[in-house]
């Protein structure tokens, strides 16, 4: 998500859209959940960037390792209380 939302792996200053992604397994399927913070008018743009990055299905990280996946589904969901607190921390730095 960093590349999709920031354009580079490492940058100076704060992110335009602070974010954090977590990956966990559900019945042998990897589920990625990304928490991001944006102004309401930019929410759909951020979601479109995330979906586009996931849709590519491959990415070479800053360490030179390439990861591949098959996107099955994307959807928005309200943050749970822990994710909402994470959003506050992301904004406050």
PDB file of N, CA and C in Angstrom:
ATOM      1  N   UNK A   1       0.798  -1.185   0.000  1.00  0.00           N
ATOM      2  CA  UNK A   1       0.000   0.000   0.000  1.00  0.00           C
ATOM      3  C   UNK A   1       0.845   1.255   0.000  1.00  0.00           C
ATOM      4  N   UNK A   2       2.029   1.162   0.593  1.00  0.00           N
ATOM      5  CA  UNK A   2       2.889   2.347   0.640  1.00  0.00           C
ATOM      6  C   UNK A   2       3.176   2.862  -0.761  1.00  0.00           C
ATOM      7  N   UNK A   3       3.524   1.970  -1.661  1.00  0.00           N
ATOM      8  CA  UNK A   3       3.818   2.396  -3.026  1.00  0.00           C
ATOM      9  C   UNK A   3       2.570   2.957  -3.700  1.00  0.00           C
ATOM     10  N   UNK A   4       1.431   2.332  -3.492  1.00  0.00           N
ATOM     11  CA  UNK A   4       0.182   2.794  -4.107  1.00  0.00           C
ATOM     12  C   UNK A   4      -0.233   4.160  -3.579  1.00  0.00           C
ATOM     13  N   UNK A   5      -0.051   4.383  -2.288  1.00  0.00           N
ATOM     14  CA  UNK A   5      -0.549   5.617  -1.682  1.00  0.00           C
ATOM     15  C   UNK A   5       0.489   6.727  -1.600  1.00  0.00           C
ATOM     16  N   UNK A   6       1.758   6.368  -1.508  1.00  0.00           N
ATOM     17  CA  UNK A   6       2.808   7.381  -1.371  1.00  0.00           C
ATOM     18  C   UNK A   6       3.620   7.573  -2.647  1.00  0.00           C
ATOM     19  N   UNK A   7       3.628   6.558  -3.509  1.00  0.00           N
ATOM     20  CA  UNK A   7       4.384   6.645  -4.752  1.00  0.00           C
ATOM     21  C   UNK A   7       5.819   6.177  -4.638  1.00  0.00           C
ATOM     22  N   UNK A   8       6.341   6.112  -3.419  1.00  0.00           N
ATOM     23  CA  UNK A   8       7.701   5.647  -3.161  1.00  0.00           C
ATOM     24  C   UNK A   8       7.689   4.855  -1.863  1.00  0.00           C
ATOM     25  N   UNK A   9       8.711   4.006  -1.693  1.00  0.00           N
ATOM     26  CA  UNK A   9       8.786   3.193  -0.479  1.00  0.00           C
ATOM     27  C   UNK A   9       9.123   4.024   0.744  1.00  0.00           C
ATOM     28  N   UNK A  10      10.025   4.968   0.585  1.00  0.00           N
ATOM     29  CA  UNK A  10      10.494   5.756   1.714  1.00  0.00           C
ATOM     30  C   UNK A  10      10.462   7.213   1.305  1.00  0.00           C
ATOM     31  N   UNK A  11       9.842   8.035   2.112  1.00  0.00           N
ATOM     32  CA  UNK A  11       9.756   9.450   1.763  1.00  0.00           C
ATOM     33  C   UNK A  11       9.930  10.305   3.007  1.00  0.00           C
ATOM     34  N   UNK A  12      10.293  11.550   2.766  1.00  0.00           N
ATOM     35  CA  UNK A  12      10.412  12.508   3.856  1.00  0.00           C
ATOM     36  C   UNK A  12       9.028  13.039   4.203  1.00  0.00           C
ATOM     37  N   UNK A  13       8.867  13.403   5.421  1.00  0.00           N
ATOM     38  CA  UNK A  13       7.617  14.033   5.836  1.00  0.00           C
ATOM     39  C   UNK A  13       6.491  13.043   6.056  1.00  0.00           C
ATOM     40  N   UNK A  14       5.335  13.583   6.340  1.00  0.00           N
ATOM     41  CA  UNK A  14       4.157  12.780   6.636  1.00  0.00           C
ATOM     42  C   UNK A  14       3.510  12.267   5.354  1.00  0.00           C
ATOM     43  N   UNK A  15       2.820  11.161   5.479  1.00  0.00           N
ATOM     44  CA  UNK A  15       2.064  10.611   4.356  1.00  0.00           C
ATOM     45  C   UNK A  15       0.842  11.482   4.088  1.00  0.00           C
ATOM     46  N   UNK A  16       0.508  11.636   2.827  1.00  0.00           N
ATOM     47  CA  UNK A  16      -0.732  12.324   2.490  1.00  0.00           C
ATOM     48  C   UNK A  16      -1.922  11.544   3.045  1.00  0.00           C
ATOM     49  N   UNK A  17      -1.847  10.200   2.938  1.00  0.00           N
ATOM     50  CA  UNK A  17      -2.883   9.322   3.461  1.00  0.00           C
ATOM     51  C   UNK A  17      -2.217   8.320   4.408  1.00  0.00           C
ATOM     52  N   UNK A  18      -2.053   8.667   5.676  1.00  0.00           N
ATOM     53  CA  UNK A  18      -1.443   7.721   6.617  1.00  0.00           C
ATOM     54  C   UNK A  18      -2.182   6.386   6.573  1.00  0.00           C
ATOM     55  N   UNK A  19      -1.410   5.296   6.648  1.00  0.00           N
ATOM     56  CA  UNK A  19      -2.020   3.976   6.468  1.00  0.00           C
ATOM     57  C   UNK A  19      -1.208   2.896   7.172  1.00  0.00           C
ATOM     58  N   UNK A  20      -1.873   1.784   7.380  1.00  0.00           N
ATOM     59  CA  UNK A  20      -1.228   0.598   7.949  1.00  0.00           C
ATOM     60  C   UNK A  20      -1.964  -0.620   7.406  1.00  0.00           C
ATOM     61  N   UNK A  21      -1.214  -1.624   6.975  1.00  0.00           N
ATOM     62  CA  UNK A  21      -1.818  -2.854   6.462  1.00  0.00           C
ATOM     63  C   UNK A  21      -1.411  -4.029   7.332  1.00  0.00           C
ATOM     64  N   UNK A  22      -2.342  -4.923   7.521  1.00  0.00           N
ATOM     65  CA  UNK A  22      -2.087  -6.149   8.266  1.00  0.00           C
ATOM     66  C   UNK A  22      -2.608  -7.337   7.480  1.00  0.00           C
ATOM     67  N   UNK A  23      -1.883  -8.431   7.541  1.00  0.00           N
ATOM     68  CA  UNK A  23      -2.232  -9.637   6.794  1.00  0.00           C
ATOM     69  C   UNK A  23      -2.472 -10.772   7.781  1.00  0.00           C
ATOM     70  N   UNK A  24      -3.561 -11.499   7.589  1.00  0.00           N
ATOM     71  CA  UNK A  24      -3.811 -12.683   8.406  1.00  0.00           C
ATOM     72  C   UNK A  24      -4.473 -13.757   7.553  1.00  0.00           C
ATOM     73  N   UNK A  25      -4.434 -14.982   8.022  1.00  0.00           N
ATOM     74  CA  UNK A  25      -5.004 -16.101   7.283  1.00  0.00           C
ATOM     75  C   UNK A  25      -6.399 -16.428   7.793  1.00  0.00           C
ATOM     76  N   UNK A  26      -7.295 -16.674   6.841  1.00  0.00           N
ATOM     77  CA  UNK A  26      -8.638 -17.154   7.138  1.00  0.00           C
ATOM     78  C   UNK A  26      -8.864 -18.376   6.254  1.00  0.00           C
ATOM     79  N   UNK A  27      -8.850 -19.556   6.870  1.00  0.00           N
ATOM     80  CA  UNK A  27      -9.022 -20.820   6.128  1.00  0.00           C
ATOM     81  C   UNK A  27      -8.099 -20.887   4.904  1.00  0.00           C
ATOM     82  N   UNK A  28      -6.819 -20.707   5.127  1.00  0.00           N
ATOM     83  CA  UNK A  28      -5.774 -20.802   4.093  1.00  0.00           C
ATOM     84  C   UNK A  28      -5.840 -19.697   3.048  1.00  0.00           C
ATOM     85  N   UNK A  29      -6.620 -18.659   3.289  1.00  0.00           N
ATOM     86  CA  UNK A  29      -6.677 -17.505   2.395  1.00  0.00           C
ATOM     87  C   UNK A  29      -6.081 -16.299   3.125  1.00  0.00           C
ATOM     88  N   UNK A  30      -5.147 -15.634   2.478  1.00  0.00           N
ATOM     89  CA  UNK A  30      -4.550 -14.436   3.068  1.00  0.00           C
ATOM     90  C   UNK A  30      -5.535 -13.275   2.922  1.00  0.00           C
ATOM     91  N   UNK A  31      -5.795 -12.624   4.033  1.00  0.00           N
ATOM     92  CA  UNK A  31      -6.704 -11.470   4.051  1.00  0.00           C
ATOM     93  C   UNK A  31      -5.887 -10.246   4.460  1.00  0.00           C
ATOM     94  N   UNK A  32      -5.884  -9.254   3.593  1.00  0.00           N
ATOM     95  CA  UNK A  32      -5.170  -8.011   3.851  1.00  0.00           C
ATOM     96  C   UNK A  32      -6.183  -6.952   4.270  1.00  0.00           C
ATOM     97  N   UNK A  33      -5.904  -6.308   5.365  1.00  0.00           N
ATOM     98  CA  UNK A  33      -6.775  -5.229   5.841  1.00  0.00           C
ATOM     99  C   UNK A  33      -5.919  -3.975   5.926  1.00  0.00           C
ATOM    100  N   UNK A  34      -6.320  -2.921   5.242  1.00  0.00           N
ATOM    101  CA  UNK A  34      -5.593  -1.662   5.253  1.00  0.00           C
ATOM    102  C   UNK A  34      -6.441  -0.605   5.937  1.00  0.00           C
ATOM    103  N   UNK A  35      -5.874   0.011   6.954  1.00  0.00           N
ATOM    104  CA  UNK A  35      -6.499   1.138   7.631  1.00  0.00           C
ATOM    105  C   UNK A  35      -5.825   2.389   7.080  1.00  0.00           C
ATOM    106  N   UNK A  36      -6.602   3.335   6.601  1.00  0.00           N
ATOM    107  CA  UNK A  36      -6.045   4.582   6.094  1.00  0.00           C
ATOM    108  C   UNK A  36      -6.870   5.748   6.602  1.00  0.00           C
ATOM    109  N   UNK A  37      -6.262   6.926   6.542  1.00  0.00           N
ATOM    110  CA  UNK A  37      -6.930   8.145   6.964  1.00  0.00           C
ATOM    111  C   UNK A  37      -6.913   9.108   5.784  1.00  0.00           C
ATOM    112  N   UNK A  38      -8.092   9.637   5.464  1.00  0.00           N
ATOM    113  CA  UNK A  38      -8.197  10.617   4.388  1.00  0.00           C
ATOM    114  C   UNK A  38      -9.352  11.567   4.703  1.00  0.00           C
ATOM    115  N   UNK A  39      -9.366  12.684   4.016  1.00  0.00           N
ATOM    116  CA  UNK A  39     -10.545  13.537   4.101  1.00  0.00           C
ATOM    117  C   UNK A  39     -11.645  12.835   3.312  1.00  0.00           C
ATOM    118  N   UNK A  40     -12.898  13.039   3.684  1.00  0.00           N
ATOM    119  CA  UNK A  40     -13.990  12.299   3.027  1.00  0.00           C
ATOM    120  C   UNK A  40     -14.007  12.409   1.507  1.00  0.00           C
ATOM    121  N   UNK A  41     -13.696  13.555   0.964  1.00  0.00           N
ATOM    122  CA  UNK A  41     -13.753  13.733  -0.489  1.00  0.00           C
ATOM    123  C   UNK A  41     -12.697  12.898  -1.219  1.00  0.00           C
ATOM    124  N   UNK A  42     -11.645  12.455  -0.517  1.00  0.00           N
ATOM    125  CA  UNK A  42     -10.584  11.652  -1.135  1.00  0.00           C
ATOM    126  C   UNK A  42     -10.704  10.157  -0.849  1.00  0.00           C
ATOM    127  N   UNK A  43     -11.692   9.758  -0.076  1.00  0.00           N
ATOM    128  CA  UNK A  43     -11.806   8.350   0.302  1.00  0.00           C
ATOM    129  C   UNK A  43     -11.893   7.427  -0.910  1.00  0.00           C
ATOM    130  N   UNK A  44     -12.717   7.748  -1.881  1.00  0.00           N
ATOM    131  CA  UNK A  44     -12.855   6.876  -3.047  1.00  0.00           C
ATOM    132  C   UNK A  44     -11.577   6.825  -3.876  1.00  0.00           C
ATOM    133  N   UNK A  45     -10.839   7.927  -3.940  1.00  0.00           N
ATOM    134  CA  UNK A  45      -9.546   7.933  -4.633  1.00  0.00           C
ATOM    135  C   UNK A  45      -8.570   6.982  -3.948  1.00  0.00           C
ATOM    136  N   UNK A  46      -8.505   7.042  -2.626  1.00  0.00           N
ATOM    137  CA  UNK A  46      -7.611   6.150  -1.884  1.00  0.00           C
ATOM    138  C   UNK A  46      -8.019   4.701  -2.106  1.00  0.00           C
ATOM    139  N   UNK A  47      -9.309   4.414  -2.015  1.00  0.00           N
ATOM    140  CA  UNK A  47      -9.775   3.044  -2.245  1.00  0.00           C
ATOM    141  C   UNK A  47      -9.447   2.575  -3.661  1.00  0.00           C
ATOM    142  N   UNK A  48      -9.585   3.450  -4.640  1.00  0.00           N
ATOM    143  CA  UNK A  48      -9.261   3.086  -6.027  1.00  0.00           C
ATOM    144  C   UNK A  48      -7.776   2.780  -6.180  1.00  0.00           C
ATOM    145  N   UNK A  49      -6.917   3.535  -5.520  1.00  0.00           N
ATOM    146  CA  UNK A  49      -5.474   3.275  -5.577  1.00  0.00           C
ATOM    147  C   UNK A  49      -5.140   1.928  -4.942  1.00  0.00           C
ATOM    148  N   UNK A  50      -5.761   1.645  -3.808  1.00  0.00           N
ATOM    149  CA  UNK A  50      -5.533   0.367  -3.145  1.00  0.00           C
ATOM    150  C   UNK A  50      -5.991  -0.780  -4.036  1.00  0.00           C
ATOM    151  N   UNK A  51      -7.197  -0.677  -4.584  1.00  0.00           N
ATOM    152  CA  UNK A  51      -7.726  -1.728  -5.457  1.00  0.00           C
ATOM    153  C   UNK A  51      -6.852  -1.922  -6.695  1.00  0.00           C
ATOM    154  N   UNK A  52      -6.377  -0.820  -7.276  1.00  0.00           N
ATOM    155  CA  UNK A  52      -5.528  -0.920  -8.469  1.00  0.00           C
ATOM    156  C   UNK A  52      -4.227  -1.646  -8.139  1.00  0.00           C
ATOM    157  N   UNK A  53      -3.622  -1.304  -7.006  1.00  0.00           N
ATOM    158  CA  UNK A  53      -2.367  -1.966  -6.618  1.00  0.00           C
ATOM    159  C   UNK A  53      -2.594  -3.453  -6.383  1.00  0.00           C
ATOM    160  N   UNK A  54      -3.660  -3.785  -5.669  1.00  0.00           N
ATOM    161  CA  UNK A  54      -3.953  -5.196  -5.419  1.00  0.00           C
ATOM    162  C   UNK A  54      -4.262  -5.941  -6.713  1.00  0.00           C
ATOM    163  N   UNK A  55      -4.928  -5.279  -7.644  1.00  0.00           N
ATOM    164  CA  UNK A  55      -5.303  -5.909  -8.904  1.00  0.00           C
ATOM    165  C   UNK A  55      -4.129  -6.281  -9.785  1.00  0.00           C
ATOM    166  N   UNK A  56      -2.993  -5.631  -9.588  1.00  0.00           N
ATOM    167  CA  UNK A  56      -1.803  -5.950 -10.384  1.00  0.00           C
ATOM    168  C   UNK A  56      -1.341  -7.377 -10.110  1.00  0.00           C
ATOM    169  N   UNK A  57      -1.424  -7.794  -8.850  1.00  0.00           N
ATOM    170  CA  UNK A  57      -1.104  -9.178  -8.508  1.00  0.00           C
ATOM    171  C   UNK A  57       0.354  -9.501  -8.301  1.00  0.00           C
ATOM    172  N   UNK A  58       1.205  -8.519  -8.378  1.00  0.00           N
ATOM    173  CA  UNK A  58       2.634  -8.741  -8.142  1.00  0.00           C
ATOM    174  C   UNK A  58       3.272  -7.425  -7.731  1.00  0.00           C
ATOM    175  N   UNK A  59       4.330  -7.542  -6.935  1.00  0.00           N
ATOM    176  CA  UNK A  59       5.039  -6.339  -6.505  1.00  0.00           C
ATOM    177  C   UNK A  59       6.439  -6.729  -6.054  1.00  0.00           C
ATOM    178  N   UNK A  60       7.417  -5.946  -6.482  1.00  0.00           N
ATOM    179  CA  UNK A  60       8.782  -6.128  -6.021  1.00  0.00           C
ATOM    180  C   UNK A  60       9.043  -5.098  -4.941  1.00  0.00           C
ATOM    181  N   UNK A  61       9.390  -5.585  -3.763  1.00  0.00           N
ATOM    182  CA  UNK A  61       9.601  -4.719  -2.614  1.00  0.00           C
ATOM    183  C   UNK A  61      10.953  -4.051  -2.628  1.00  0.00           C
ATOM    184  N   UNK A  62      11.173  -3.174  -1.654  1.00  0.00           N
ATOM    185  CA  UNK A  62      12.453  -2.461  -1.600  1.00  0.00           C
ATOM    186  C   UNK A  62      13.636  -3.383  -1.354  1.00  0.00           C
ATOM    187  N   UNK A  63      13.386  -4.585  -0.868  1.00  0.00           N
ATOM    188  CA  UNK A  63      14.462  -5.566  -0.656  1.00  0.00           C
ATOM    189  C   UNK A  63      14.754  -6.389  -1.899  1.00  0.00           C
ATOM    190  N   UNK A  64      14.022  -6.124  -3.005  1.00  0.00           N
ATOM    191  CA  UNK A  64      14.235  -6.840  -4.256  1.00  0.00           C
ATOM    192  C   UNK A  64      13.432  -8.116  -4.390  1.00  0.00           C
ATOM    193  N   UNK A  65      12.728  -8.516  -3.345  1.00  0.00           N
ATOM    194  CA  UNK A  65      11.906  -9.736  -3.395  1.00  0.00           C
ATOM    195  C   UNK A  65      10.559  -9.421  -4.042  1.00  0.00           C
ATOM    196  N   UNK A  66      10.118 -10.331  -4.892  1.00  0.00           N
ATOM    197  CA  UNK A  66       8.839 -10.166  -5.573  1.00  0.00           C
ATOM    198  C   UNK A  66       7.793 -11.064  -4.935  1.00  0.00           C
ATOM    199  N   UNK A  67       6.650 -10.481  -4.647  1.00  0.00           N
ATOM    200  CA  UNK A  67       5.506 -11.218  -4.122  1.00  0.00           C
ATOM    201  C   UNK A  67       4.429 -11.255  -5.183  1.00  0.00           C
ATOM    202  N   UNK A  68       3.703 -12.366  -5.231  1.00  0.00           N
ATOM    203  CA  UNK A  68       2.605 -12.515  -6.185  1.00  0.00           C
ATOM    204  C   UNK A  68       1.367 -12.999  -5.448  1.00  0.00           C
ATOM    205  N   UNK A  69       0.217 -12.644  -5.959  1.00  0.00           N
ATOM    206  CA  UNK A  69      -1.048 -13.049  -5.368  1.00  0.00           C
ATOM    207  C   UNK A  69      -2.143 -12.997  -6.415  1.00  0.00           C
ATOM    208  N   UNK A  70      -3.278 -13.545  -6.057  1.00  0.00           N
ATOM    209  CA  UNK A  70      -4.468 -13.486  -6.908  1.00  0.00           C
ATOM    210  C   UNK A  70      -5.552 -12.785  -6.100  1.00  0.00           C
ATOM    211  N   UNK A  71      -6.001 -11.662  -6.592  1.00  0.00           N
ATOM    212  CA  UNK A  71      -7.038 -10.890  -5.911  1.00  0.00           C
ATOM    213  C   UNK A  71      -8.390 -11.549  -6.124  1.00  0.00           C
ATOM    214  N   UNK A  72      -9.052 -11.858  -5.025  1.00  0.00           N
ATOM    215  CA  UNK A  72     -10.369 -12.485  -5.105  1.00  0.00           C
ATOM    216  C   UNK A  72     -11.496 -11.500  -4.860  1.00  0.00           C
ATOM    217  N   UNK A  73     -11.253 -10.499  -4.018  1.00  0.00           N
ATOM    218  CA  UNK A  73     -12.344  -9.613  -3.625  1.00  0.00           C
ATOM    219  C   UNK A  73     -11.774  -8.402  -2.900  1.00  0.00           C
ATOM    220  N   UNK A  74     -12.426  -7.287  -3.022  1.00  0.00           N
ATOM    221  CA  UNK A  74     -12.140  -6.123  -2.181  1.00  0.00           C
ATOM    222  C   UNK A  74     -13.472  -5.560  -1.714  1.00  0.00           C
ATOM    223  N   UNK A  75     -13.443  -4.981  -0.533  1.00  0.00           N
ATOM    224  CA  UNK A  75     -14.651  -4.313  -0.036  1.00  0.00           C
ATOM    225  C   UNK A  75     -14.265  -3.393   1.113  1.00  0.00           C
ATOM    226  N   UNK A  76     -15.057  -2.373   1.254  1.00  0.00           N
ATOM    227  CA  UNK A  76     -14.874  -1.441   2.361  1.00  0.00           C
ATOM    228  C   UNK A  76     -15.588  -1.985   3.585  1.00  0.00           C
ATOM    229  N   UNK A  77     -15.059  -1.646   4.745  1.00  0.00           N
ATOM    230  CA  UNK A  77     -15.694  -2.023   6.008  1.00  0.00           C
ATOM    231  C   UNK A  77     -15.405  -0.944   7.030  1.00  0.00           C
ATOM    232  N   UNK A  78     -16.318  -0.762   7.945  1.00  0.00           N
ATOM    233  CA  UNK A  78     -16.087   0.191   9.018  1.00  0.00           C
ATOM    234  C   UNK A  78     -14.973  -0.326   9.915  1.00  0.00           C
ATOM    235  N   UNK A  79     -14.161   0.577  10.445  1.00  0.00           N
ATOM    236  CA  UNK A  79     -13.085   0.128  11.342  1.00  0.00           C
ATOM    237  C   UNK A  79     -13.651  -0.380  12.661  1.00  0.00           C
ATOM    238  N   UNK A  80     -12.998  -1.422  13.189  1.00  0.00           N
ATOM    239  CA  UNK A  80     -13.364  -1.871  14.533  1.00  0.00           C
ATOM    240  C   UNK A  80     -12.719  -0.894  15.527  1.00  0.00           C
ATOM    241  N   UNK A  81     -13.011  -1.003  16.809  1.00  0.00           N
ATOM    242  CA  UNK A  81     -12.461  -0.034  17.769  1.00  0.00           C
ATOM    243  C   UNK A  81     -10.928   0.053  17.762  1.00  0.00           C
ATOM    244  N   UNK A  82     -10.245  -1.076  17.630  1.00  0.00           N
ATOM    245  CA  UNK A  82      -8.781  -1.043  17.573  1.00  0.00           C
ATOM    246  C   UNK A  82      -8.287  -0.315  16.327  1.00  0.00           C
ATOM    247  N   UNK A  83      -8.949  -0.553  15.197  1.00  0.00           N
ATOM    248  CA  UNK A  83      -8.558   0.124  13.951  1.00  0.00           C
ATOM    249  C   UNK A  83      -8.851   1.621  14.017  1.00  0.00           C
ATOM    250  N   UNK A  84      -9.953   1.987  14.646  1.00  0.00           N
ATOM    251  CA  UNK A  84     -10.266   3.414  14.802  1.00  0.00           C
ATOM    252  C   UNK A  84      -9.187   4.100  15.645  1.00  0.00           C
ATOM    253  N   UNK A  85      -8.754   3.428  16.714  1.00  0.00           N
ATOM    254  CA  UNK A  85      -7.673   3.981  17.539  1.00  0.00           C
ATOM    255  C   UNK A  85      -6.377   4.062  16.739  1.00  0.00           C
ATOM    256  N   UNK A  86      -6.120   3.067  15.901  1.00  0.00           N
ATOM    257  CA  UNK A  86      -4.942   3.106  15.036  1.00  0.00           C
ATOM    258  C   UNK A  86      -5.018   4.306  14.108  1.00  0.00           C
ATOM    259  N   UNK A  87      -6.168   4.580  13.537  1.00  0.00           N
ATOM    260  CA  UNK A  87      -6.336   5.744  12.663  1.00  0.00           C
ATOM    261  C   UNK A  87      -5.976   7.038  13.368  1.00  0.00           C
ATOM    262  N   UNK A  88      -6.392   7.164  14.610  1.00  0.00           N
ATOM    263  CA  UNK A  88      -6.054   8.353  15.409  1.00  0.00           C
ATOM    264  C   UNK A  88      -4.547   8.440  15.586  1.00  0.00           C
ATOM    265  N   UNK A  89      -3.911   7.320  15.886  1.00  0.00           N
ATOM    266  CA  UNK A  89      -2.448   7.314  16.056  1.00  0.00           C
ATOM    267  C   UNK A  89      -1.734   7.641  14.748  1.00  0.00           C
ATOM    268  N   UNK A  90      -2.250   7.155  13.640  1.00  0.00           N
ATOM    269  CA  UNK A  90      -1.630   7.447  12.341  1.00  0.00           C
ATOM    270  C   UNK A  90      -1.640   8.940  12.050  1.00  0.00           C
ATOM    271  N   UNK A  91      -2.728   9.584  12.379  1.00  0.00           N
ATOM    272  CA  UNK A  91      -2.841  11.028  12.117  1.00  0.00           C
ATOM    273  C   UNK A  91      -1.963  11.831  13.058  1.00  0.00           C
ATOM    274  N   UNK A  92      -1.892  11.403  14.304  1.00  0.00           N
ATOM    275  CA  UNK A  92      -1.143  12.180  15.292  1.00  0.00           C
ATOM    276  C   UNK A  92       0.370  11.958  15.194  1.00  0.00           C
ATOM    277  N   UNK A  93       0.762  10.961  14.424  1.00  0.00           N
ATOM    278  CA  UNK A  93       2.177  10.718  14.184  1.00  0.00           C
ATOM    279  C   UNK A  93       2.853  10.014  15.296  1.00  0.00           C
TER     280      UNK A  93
END
